[in-house]
Amino acid sequence: MVVKMKKKHQYTTQIKWTGNKGLGTSNYKAFERSHTIWCENKIEILGSSDPAFLGDKTKYNPEELLVAALSSCHMLWYLHLCAQEKIIVTHYEDYATGFMHENIDGSGKFDQVTLNPIIIVKENLMIAEAVNLHKKAHKMCFIANSTNFPIHHNIKCTSGKDE
């Protein structure tokens, strides 16, 4: 099957390492992993590595940002699809979890991510379709389409109104 491209989008970010403690990278423990991420006209994100890799636990690490990107992309597509299908969502939150394994040589990769969305829809009659729309949201998500590991969905959907 050939997929036709409609548009091409470009995303530009900037990153600056802020962790030079005066010795540069003279040895593995001589520098902080701190850095700043930003895009034009947006607030900065303070980043570091995971504390397991000598990072600052008070700053976002790339692994967390990947899981957050998957969760956010899925939610945005899901809300879009619900609006199209007249499913009225009144609440959405997600507690996503990603699992990465580290190899002996220090490299690694994600094995899986699980999205755990908790959704409230306006009416009980909307619940079944609201749950089904997660499959389509997953197929539409740009970030999910760019990964090479499984993304699971543990969906909890209720209504704010008993019928």
N, C-alpha and C. Protein backbone atom coordinates (compact mmCIF):
# COMPACT_ATOMS: atom_id res chain seq x y z
N MET A 1 0.84 -1.17 0.00
CA MET A 1 0.00 0.00 0.00
C MET A 1 0.89 1.25 0.00
N VAL A 2 0.61 2.17 -0.88
CA VAL A 2 1.36 3.42 -0.97
C VAL A 2 0.59 4.49 -0.21
N VAL A 3 1.30 5.17 0.68
CA VAL A 3 0.70 6.26 1.44
C VAL A 3 1.13 7.57 0.80
N LYS A 4 0.15 8.36 0.38
CA LYS A 4 0.45 9.65 -0.23
C LYS A 4 0.65 10.68 0.87
N MET A 5 1.67 11.51 0.69
CA MET A 5 1.92 12.56 1.67
C MET A 5 1.21 13.84 1.25
N LYS A 6 0.53 14.43 2.20
CA LYS A 6 -0.21 15.66 1.96
C LYS A 6 0.70 16.87 2.16
N LYS A 7 1.40 16.90 3.28
CA LYS A 7 2.26 18.03 3.63
C LYS A 7 3.49 17.51 4.33
N LYS A 8 4.51 18.33 4.34
CA LYS A 8 5.70 18.01 5.11
C LYS A 8 5.85 19.11 6.15
N HIS A 9 6.05 18.71 7.41
CA HIS A 9 6.18 19.65 8.52
C HIS A 9 7.60 19.59 9.06
N GLN A 10 8.10 20.72 9.48
CA GLN A 10 9.44 20.77 10.07
C GLN A 10 9.31 21.30 11.49
N TYR A 11 10.05 20.69 12.40
CA TYR A 11 10.07 21.11 13.80
C TYR A 11 11.50 21.41 14.19
N THR A 12 11.72 22.58 14.73
CA THR A 12 13.05 23.00 15.11
C THR A 12 13.09 23.27 16.60
N THR A 13 14.02 22.67 17.26
CA THR A 13 14.23 22.92 18.69
C THR A 13 15.69 23.33 18.88
N GLN A 14 15.95 23.91 20.01
CA GLN A 14 17.31 24.27 20.36
C GLN A 14 17.63 23.62 21.70
N ILE A 15 18.87 23.23 21.84
CA ILE A 15 19.31 22.63 23.09
C ILE A 15 20.67 23.21 23.44
N LYS A 16 20.88 23.49 24.71
CA LYS A 16 22.17 24.02 25.16
C LYS A 16 22.58 23.30 26.43
N TRP A 17 23.76 22.72 26.41
CA TRP A 17 24.31 22.05 27.58
C TRP A 17 24.71 23.12 28.59
N THR A 18 24.25 22.99 29.80
CA THR A 18 24.54 23.97 30.86
C THR A 18 25.31 23.33 32.01
N GLY A 19 25.83 22.14 31.81
CA GLY A 19 26.43 21.39 32.89
C GLY A 19 27.94 21.39 32.99
N ASN A 20 28.62 22.31 32.31
CA ASN A 20 30.07 22.36 32.41
C ASN A 20 30.44 22.97 33.76
N LYS A 21 31.07 22.19 34.61
CA LYS A 21 31.47 22.65 35.94
C LYS A 21 32.90 23.20 35.93
N GLY A 22 33.42 23.50 34.75
CA GLY A 22 34.76 24.07 34.65
C GLY A 22 35.80 23.14 34.07
N LEU A 23 35.51 21.84 34.09
CA LEU A 23 36.47 20.86 33.56
C LEU A 23 35.99 20.22 32.26
N GLY A 24 34.85 20.70 31.75
CA GLY A 24 34.30 20.09 30.55
C GLY A 24 34.02 18.62 30.77
N THR A 25 34.27 17.83 29.77
CA THR A 25 34.04 16.38 29.86
C THR A 25 35.36 15.63 30.09
N SER A 26 36.19 16.20 30.97
CA SER A 26 37.49 15.58 31.25
C SER A 26 37.37 14.18 31.82
N ASN A 27 36.25 13.87 32.50
CA ASN A 27 35.94 12.50 32.89
C ASN A 27 34.43 12.40 33.10
N TYR A 28 33.95 11.18 33.20
CA TYR A 28 32.51 10.92 33.24
C TYR A 28 31.79 11.63 34.38
N LYS A 29 32.44 11.81 35.50
CA LYS A 29 31.81 12.43 36.66
C LYS A 29 32.14 13.91 36.82
N ALA A 30 32.87 14.49 35.87
CA ALA A 30 33.32 15.87 35.98
C ALA A 30 32.28 16.89 35.50
N PHE A 31 31.19 16.42 34.93
CA PHE A 31 30.21 17.36 34.36
C PHE A 31 28.79 16.97 34.73
N GLU A 32 27.92 17.95 34.74
CA GLU A 32 26.48 17.71 34.94
C GLU A 32 25.84 17.44 33.59
N ARG A 33 24.74 16.74 33.64
CA ARG A 33 24.01 16.42 32.42
C ARG A 33 22.95 17.48 32.12
N SER A 34 22.94 18.57 32.84
CA SER A 34 21.92 19.61 32.71
C SER A 34 21.97 20.28 31.34
N HIS A 35 20.79 20.57 30.83
CA HIS A 35 20.66 21.28 29.57
C HIS A 35 19.31 21.98 29.51
N THR A 36 19.19 22.89 28.59
CA THR A 36 17.95 23.62 28.39
C THR A 36 17.46 23.34 26.97
N ILE A 37 16.16 23.09 26.87
CA ILE A 37 15.51 22.81 25.58
C ILE A 37 14.51 23.93 25.35
N TRP A 38 14.48 24.48 24.17
CA TRP A 38 13.46 25.47 23.88
C TRP A 38 13.19 25.56 22.40
N CYS A 39 12.06 26.14 22.08
CA CYS A 39 11.63 26.46 20.73
C CYS A 39 11.29 27.94 20.72
N GLU A 40 11.36 28.54 19.57
CA GLU A 40 11.06 29.96 19.46
C GLU A 40 9.67 30.27 20.03
N ASN A 41 9.59 31.31 20.83
CA ASN A 41 8.35 31.81 21.43
C ASN A 41 7.73 30.86 22.45
N LYS A 42 8.53 29.98 23.04
CA LYS A 42 8.03 29.04 24.04
C LYS A 42 8.93 29.06 25.27
N ILE A 43 8.36 28.67 26.41
CA ILE A 43 9.17 28.63 27.62
C ILE A 43 10.18 27.49 27.54
N GLU A 44 11.23 27.62 28.31
CA GLU A 44 12.29 26.62 28.32
C GLU A 44 11.87 25.39 29.12
N ILE A 45 12.43 24.26 28.75
CA ILE A 45 12.28 23.02 29.50
C ILE A 45 13.67 22.71 30.05
N LEU A 46 13.74 22.48 31.35
CA LEU A 46 15.02 22.13 31.95
C LEU A 46 15.19 20.62 31.90
N GLY A 47 16.27 20.19 31.28
CA GLY A 47 16.49 18.77 31.09
C GLY A 47 17.78 18.30 31.72
N SER A 48 17.87 17.00 31.87
CA SER A 48 19.06 16.33 32.37
C SER A 48 18.97 14.88 31.91
N SER A 49 19.84 14.06 32.41
CA SER A 49 19.70 12.62 32.15
C SER A 49 18.98 12.00 33.33
N ASP A 50 18.58 10.77 33.18
CA ASP A 50 17.98 10.02 34.26
C ASP A 50 18.98 9.96 35.42
N PRO A 51 18.52 10.03 36.67
CA PRO A 51 19.45 9.93 37.79
C PRO A 51 20.34 8.69 37.75
N ALA A 52 19.88 7.63 37.12
CA ALA A 52 20.70 6.42 36.99
C ALA A 52 21.96 6.67 36.15
N PHE A 53 21.91 7.75 35.35
CA PHE A 53 23.05 8.12 34.50
C PHE A 53 23.64 9.46 34.94
N LEU A 54 23.62 9.69 36.26
CA LEU A 54 24.18 10.88 36.90
C LEU A 54 23.41 12.16 36.59
N GLY A 55 22.11 12.02 36.29
CA GLY A 55 21.30 13.18 35.99
C GLY A 55 20.65 13.80 37.21
N ASP A 56 20.04 14.95 37.01
CA ASP A 56 19.36 15.71 38.05
C ASP A 56 17.91 15.25 38.11
N LYS A 57 17.49 14.68 39.23
CA LYS A 57 16.14 14.13 39.36
C LYS A 57 15.07 15.21 39.33
N THR A 58 15.44 16.48 39.45
CA THR A 58 14.44 17.55 39.43
C THR A 58 14.17 18.08 38.03
N LYS A 59 14.85 17.53 37.03
CA LYS A 59 14.69 17.99 35.64
C LYS A 59 14.20 16.83 34.77
N TYR A 60 13.52 17.19 33.70
CA TYR A 60 13.02 16.18 32.76
C TYR A 60 14.18 15.51 32.03
N ASN A 61 14.03 14.19 31.82
CA ASN A 61 15.03 13.49 31.03
C ASN A 61 14.40 13.07 29.69
N PRO A 62 15.22 12.74 28.69
CA PRO A 62 14.69 12.40 27.37
C PRO A 62 13.69 11.25 27.39
N GLU A 63 13.91 10.29 28.28
CA GLU A 63 13.01 9.14 28.34
C GLU A 63 11.61 9.57 28.80
N GLU A 64 11.55 10.44 29.80
CA GLU A 64 10.26 10.97 30.26
C GLU A 64 9.59 11.78 29.16
N LEU A 65 10.38 12.57 28.44
CA LEU A 65 9.82 13.40 27.38
C LEU A 65 9.26 12.54 26.24
N LEU A 66 9.89 11.41 25.96
CA LEU A 66 9.36 10.50 24.94
C LEU A 66 8.01 9.94 25.37
N VAL A 67 7.92 9.47 26.61
CA VAL A 67 6.66 8.93 27.12
C VAL A 67 5.58 10.02 27.12
N ALA A 68 5.96 11.22 27.54
CA ALA A 68 5.01 12.34 27.55
C ALA A 68 4.55 12.70 26.14
N ALA A 69 5.46 12.65 25.17
CA ALA A 69 5.09 12.95 23.78
C ALA A 69 4.08 11.94 23.26
N LEU A 70 4.29 10.68 23.56
CA LEU A 70 3.33 9.64 23.14
C LEU A 70 1.96 9.88 23.78
N SER A 71 1.96 10.14 25.07
CA SER A 71 0.72 10.36 25.79
C SER A 71 -0.02 11.59 25.27
N SER A 72 0.70 12.66 25.07
CA SER A 72 0.11 13.91 24.59
C SER A 72 -0.44 13.78 23.18
N CYS A 73 0.33 13.18 22.28
CA CYS A 73 -0.11 13.00 20.90
C CYS A 73 -1.38 12.15 20.84
N HIS A 74 -1.38 11.06 21.61
CA HIS A 74 -2.56 10.19 21.64
C HIS A 74 -3.78 10.96 22.15
N MET A 75 -3.62 11.70 23.23
CA MET A 75 -4.74 12.45 23.80
C MET A 75 -5.29 13.46 22.80
N LEU A 76 -4.41 14.19 22.13
CA LEU A 76 -4.88 15.21 21.20
C LEU A 76 -5.65 14.60 20.02
N TRP A 77 -5.14 13.48 19.50
CA TRP A 77 -5.89 12.81 18.43
C TRP A 77 -7.21 12.27 18.96
N TYR A 78 -7.18 11.69 20.14
CA TYR A 78 -8.40 11.13 20.74
C TYR A 78 -9.47 12.20 20.92
N LEU A 79 -9.10 13.34 21.48
CA LEU A 79 -10.07 14.42 21.69
C LEU A 79 -10.62 14.93 20.35
N HIS A 80 -9.76 15.02 19.36
CA HIS A 80 -10.18 15.42 18.01
C HIS A 80 -11.23 14.45 17.45
N LEU A 81 -10.93 13.16 17.56
CA LEU A 81 -11.84 12.15 17.04
C LEU A 81 -13.17 12.14 17.81
N CYS A 82 -13.10 12.32 19.12
CA CYS A 82 -14.33 12.38 19.92
C CYS A 82 -15.19 13.55 19.47
N ALA A 83 -14.58 14.69 19.23
CA ALA A 83 -15.34 15.86 18.77
C ALA A 83 -16.00 15.57 17.43
N GLN A 84 -15.28 14.91 16.52
CA GLN A 84 -15.85 14.56 15.22
C GLN A 84 -17.05 13.63 15.35
N GLU A 85 -16.96 12.70 16.30
CA GLU A 85 -18.01 11.68 16.46
C GLU A 85 -19.07 12.08 17.48
N LYS A 86 -19.02 13.32 17.95
CA LYS A 86 -20.01 13.84 18.91
C LYS A 86 -19.98 13.09 20.25
N ILE A 87 -18.79 12.60 20.62
CA ILE A 87 -18.58 12.01 21.94
C ILE A 87 -18.08 13.15 22.81
N ILE A 88 -18.81 13.51 23.83
CA ILE A 88 -18.46 14.66 24.66
C ILE A 88 -17.62 14.20 25.84
N VAL A 89 -16.34 14.52 25.77
CA VAL A 89 -15.40 14.20 26.84
C VAL A 89 -15.36 15.39 27.78
N THR A 90 -15.54 15.13 29.06
CA THR A 90 -15.48 16.21 30.06
C THR A 90 -14.23 16.14 30.92
N HIS A 91 -13.50 15.04 30.85
CA HIS A 91 -12.27 14.89 31.64
C HIS A 91 -11.36 13.86 30.96
N TYR A 92 -10.08 14.15 30.93
CA TYR A 92 -9.09 13.22 30.37
C TYR A 92 -7.79 13.40 31.14
N GLU A 93 -7.25 12.33 31.64
CA GLU A 93 -5.92 12.34 32.22
C GLU A 93 -5.26 11.00 31.91
N ASP A 94 -3.96 11.00 31.94
CA ASP A 94 -3.23 9.78 31.60
C ASP A 94 -2.02 9.65 32.52
N TYR A 95 -1.77 8.45 32.96
CA TYR A 95 -0.60 8.13 33.76
C TYR A 95 0.21 7.11 32.95
N ALA A 96 0.94 7.61 31.98
CA ALA A 96 1.68 6.75 31.05
C ALA A 96 2.97 6.24 31.69
N THR A 97 3.34 5.03 31.29
CA THR A 97 4.55 4.39 31.80
C THR A 97 5.31 3.78 30.63
N GLY A 98 6.62 4.04 30.59
CA GLY A 98 7.47 3.44 29.58
C GLY A 98 8.51 2.56 30.22
N PHE A 99 8.88 1.50 29.52
CA PHE A 99 9.91 0.59 30.00
C PHE A 99 11.05 0.54 28.99
N MET A 100 12.24 0.79 29.49
CA MET A 100 13.44 0.79 28.66
C MET A 100 14.42 -0.21 29.25
N HIS A 101 15.08 -0.94 28.40
CA HIS A 101 16.14 -1.81 28.92
C HIS A 101 17.49 -1.28 28.47
N GLU A 102 18.44 -1.43 29.35
CA GLU A 102 19.80 -0.98 29.08
C GLU A 102 20.65 -2.20 28.78
N ASN A 103 21.44 -2.09 27.74
CA ASN A 103 22.35 -3.17 27.35
C ASN A 103 23.66 -3.07 28.12
N ILE A 104 24.43 -4.12 28.08
CA ILE A 104 25.72 -4.18 28.77
C ILE A 104 26.64 -3.05 28.33
N ASP A 105 26.58 -2.67 27.04
CA ASP A 105 27.47 -1.62 26.53
C ASP A 105 26.97 -0.21 26.83
N GLY A 106 25.85 -0.09 27.56
CA GLY A 106 25.31 1.22 27.92
C GLY A 106 24.23 1.73 26.98
N SER A 107 24.10 1.13 25.81
CA SER A 107 23.01 1.52 24.91
C SER A 107 21.71 0.95 25.46
N GLY A 108 20.62 1.27 24.84
CA GLY A 108 19.35 0.73 25.30
C GLY A 108 18.23 1.10 24.36
N LYS A 109 17.04 0.64 24.69
CA LYS A 109 15.88 0.99 23.88
C LYS A 109 14.62 0.72 24.69
N PHE A 110 13.57 1.39 24.30
CA PHE A 110 12.29 1.16 24.95
C PHE A 110 11.72 -0.16 24.49
N ASP A 111 11.18 -0.93 25.44
CA ASP A 111 10.51 -2.19 25.13
C ASP A 111 9.03 -1.95 24.86
N GLN A 112 8.44 -1.02 25.61
CA GLN A 112 7.01 -0.75 25.49
C GLN A 112 6.65 0.49 26.27
N VAL A 113 5.50 1.04 25.92
CA VAL A 113 4.89 2.13 26.68
C VAL A 113 3.43 1.75 26.88
N THR A 114 2.91 2.02 28.06
CA THR A 114 1.49 1.80 28.33
C THR A 114 0.86 3.14 28.69
N LEU A 115 -0.16 3.49 27.94
CA LEU A 115 -0.97 4.67 28.25
C LEU A 115 -2.12 4.20 29.12
N ASN A 116 -2.42 4.94 30.15
CA ASN A 116 -3.48 4.61 31.10
C ASN A 116 -4.48 5.75 31.20
N PRO A 117 -5.16 6.04 30.09
CA PRO A 117 -6.08 7.18 30.12
C PRO A 117 -7.32 6.92 30.98
N ILE A 118 -7.70 7.94 31.73
CA ILE A 118 -8.92 7.94 32.52
C ILE A 118 -9.81 9.02 31.92
N ILE A 119 -10.94 8.60 31.39
CA ILE A 119 -11.81 9.51 30.65
C ILE A 119 -13.20 9.53 31.27
N ILE A 120 -13.77 10.71 31.29
CA ILE A 120 -15.18 10.85 31.66
C ILE A 120 -15.89 11.47 30.46
N VAL A 121 -16.96 10.80 30.05
CA VAL A 121 -17.80 11.32 28.97
C VAL A 121 -19.12 11.77 29.56
N LYS A 122 -19.85 12.55 28.80
CA LYS A 122 -21.06 13.16 29.32
C LYS A 122 -22.18 12.16 29.59
N GLU A 123 -22.33 11.16 28.72
CA GLU A 123 -23.46 10.22 28.81
C GLU A 123 -22.98 8.77 28.80
N ASN A 124 -23.69 7.91 29.50
CA ASN A 124 -23.37 6.47 29.50
C ASN A 124 -23.36 5.89 28.09
N LEU A 125 -24.27 6.35 27.26
CA LEU A 125 -24.36 5.81 25.89
C LEU A 125 -23.12 6.11 25.05
N MET A 126 -22.29 6.99 25.50
CA MET A 126 -21.08 7.37 24.76
C MET A 126 -19.87 6.49 25.11
N ILE A 127 -19.96 5.72 26.17
CA ILE A 127 -18.80 5.00 26.69
C ILE A 127 -18.22 4.01 25.67
N ALA A 128 -19.02 3.17 25.07
CA ALA A 128 -18.50 2.14 24.16
C ALA A 128 -17.74 2.77 22.99
N GLU A 129 -18.33 3.77 22.37
CA GLU A 129 -17.67 4.42 21.23
C GLU A 129 -16.43 5.19 21.70
N ALA A 130 -16.52 5.78 22.89
CA ALA A 130 -15.37 6.50 23.44
C ALA A 130 -14.17 5.56 23.61
N VAL A 131 -14.41 4.36 24.08
CA VAL A 131 -13.35 3.37 24.24
C VAL A 131 -12.82 2.94 22.87
N ASN A 132 -13.70 2.70 21.92
CA ASN A 132 -13.29 2.27 20.58
C ASN A 132 -12.43 3.30 19.85
N LEU A 133 -12.66 4.56 20.11
CA LEU A 133 -11.91 5.61 19.41
C LEU A 133 -10.42 5.62 19.76
N HIS A 134 -10.04 4.96 20.82
CA HIS A 134 -8.61 4.89 21.16
C HIS A 134 -7.83 4.14 20.10
N LYS A 135 -8.42 3.15 19.48
CA LYS A 135 -7.73 2.41 18.41
C LYS A 135 -7.41 3.33 17.24
N LYS A 136 -8.39 4.15 16.85
CA LYS A 136 -8.17 5.07 15.74
C LYS A 136 -7.17 6.16 16.13
N ALA A 137 -7.26 6.65 17.36
CA ALA A 137 -6.31 7.67 17.82
C ALA A 137 -4.88 7.12 17.77
N HIS A 138 -4.72 5.86 18.15
CA HIS A 138 -3.39 5.24 18.10
C HIS A 138 -2.88 5.18 16.66
N LYS A 139 -3.75 4.83 15.73
CA LYS A 139 -3.34 4.75 14.31
C LYS A 139 -2.99 6.12 13.74
N MET A 140 -3.60 7.17 14.28
CA MET A 140 -3.39 8.52 13.76
C MET A 140 -2.21 9.24 14.42
N CYS A 141 -1.78 8.81 15.57
CA CYS A 141 -0.76 9.53 16.34
C CYS A 141 0.59 9.52 15.63
N PHE A 142 1.10 10.71 15.35
CA PHE A 142 2.38 10.86 14.65
C PHE A 142 3.53 10.23 15.42
N ILE A 143 3.52 10.42 16.72
CA ILE A 143 4.62 9.92 17.53
C ILE A 143 4.58 8.39 17.60
N ALA A 144 3.38 7.84 17.83
CA ALA A 144 3.24 6.38 17.87
C ALA A 144 3.66 5.75 16.54
N ASN A 145 3.34 6.41 15.45
CA ASN A 145 3.70 5.90 14.13
C ASN A 145 5.21 5.95 13.88
N SER A 146 5.93 6.66 14.72
CA SER A 146 7.38 6.82 14.56
C SER A 146 8.18 5.92 15.48
N THR A 147 7.51 5.10 16.26
CA THR A 147 8.21 4.24 17.22
C THR A 147 8.33 2.81 16.69
N ASN A 148 9.22 2.04 17.30
CA ASN A 148 9.40 0.64 16.91
C ASN A 148 9.18 -0.30 18.09
N PHE A 149 8.34 0.12 19.02
CA PHE A 149 8.01 -0.72 20.18
C PHE A 149 6.50 -0.65 20.40
N PRO A 150 5.93 -1.64 21.08
CA PRO A 150 4.48 -1.64 21.29
C PRO A 150 4.03 -0.56 22.26
N ILE A 151 2.87 -0.01 21.96
CA ILE A 151 2.22 0.96 22.83
C ILE A 151 0.88 0.36 23.21
N HIS A 152 0.71 0.12 24.49
CA HIS A 152 -0.51 -0.49 25.01
C HIS A 152 -1.43 0.59 25.57
N HIS A 153 -2.71 0.25 25.65
CA HIS A 153 -3.70 1.20 26.16
C HIS A 153 -4.54 0.49 27.22
N ASN A 154 -4.48 1.01 28.42
CA ASN A 154 -5.27 0.50 29.53
C ASN A 154 -6.31 1.59 29.84
N ILE A 155 -7.47 1.49 29.21
CA ILE A 155 -8.46 2.56 29.19
C ILE A 155 -9.49 2.38 30.29
N LYS A 156 -9.76 3.48 31.00
CA LYS A 156 -10.86 3.52 31.96
C LYS A 156 -11.77 4.65 31.54
N CYS A 157 -13.01 4.32 31.24
CA CYS A 157 -13.95 5.33 30.77
C CYS A 157 -15.26 5.19 31.54
N THR A 158 -15.71 6.29 32.08
CA THR A 158 -16.98 6.32 32.79
C THR A 158 -17.77 7.55 32.30
N SER A 159 -18.97 7.67 32.78
CA SER A 159 -19.75 8.86 32.41
C SER A 159 -20.02 9.68 33.65
N GLY A 160 -20.25 10.92 33.41
CA GLY A 160 -20.59 11.84 34.49
C GLY A 160 -22.08 11.85 34.77
N LYS A 161 -22.79 10.96 34.06
CA LYS A 161 -24.26 10.96 34.21
C LYS A 161 -24.78 9.53 34.14
N ASP A 162 -25.56 9.12 35.10
CA ASP A 162 -26.19 7.80 35.08
C ASP A 162 -27.47 7.88 34.27
N GLU A 163 -27.74 6.83 33.51
CA GLU A 163 -28.97 6.79 32.72
C GLU A 163 -29.81 5.60 33.12
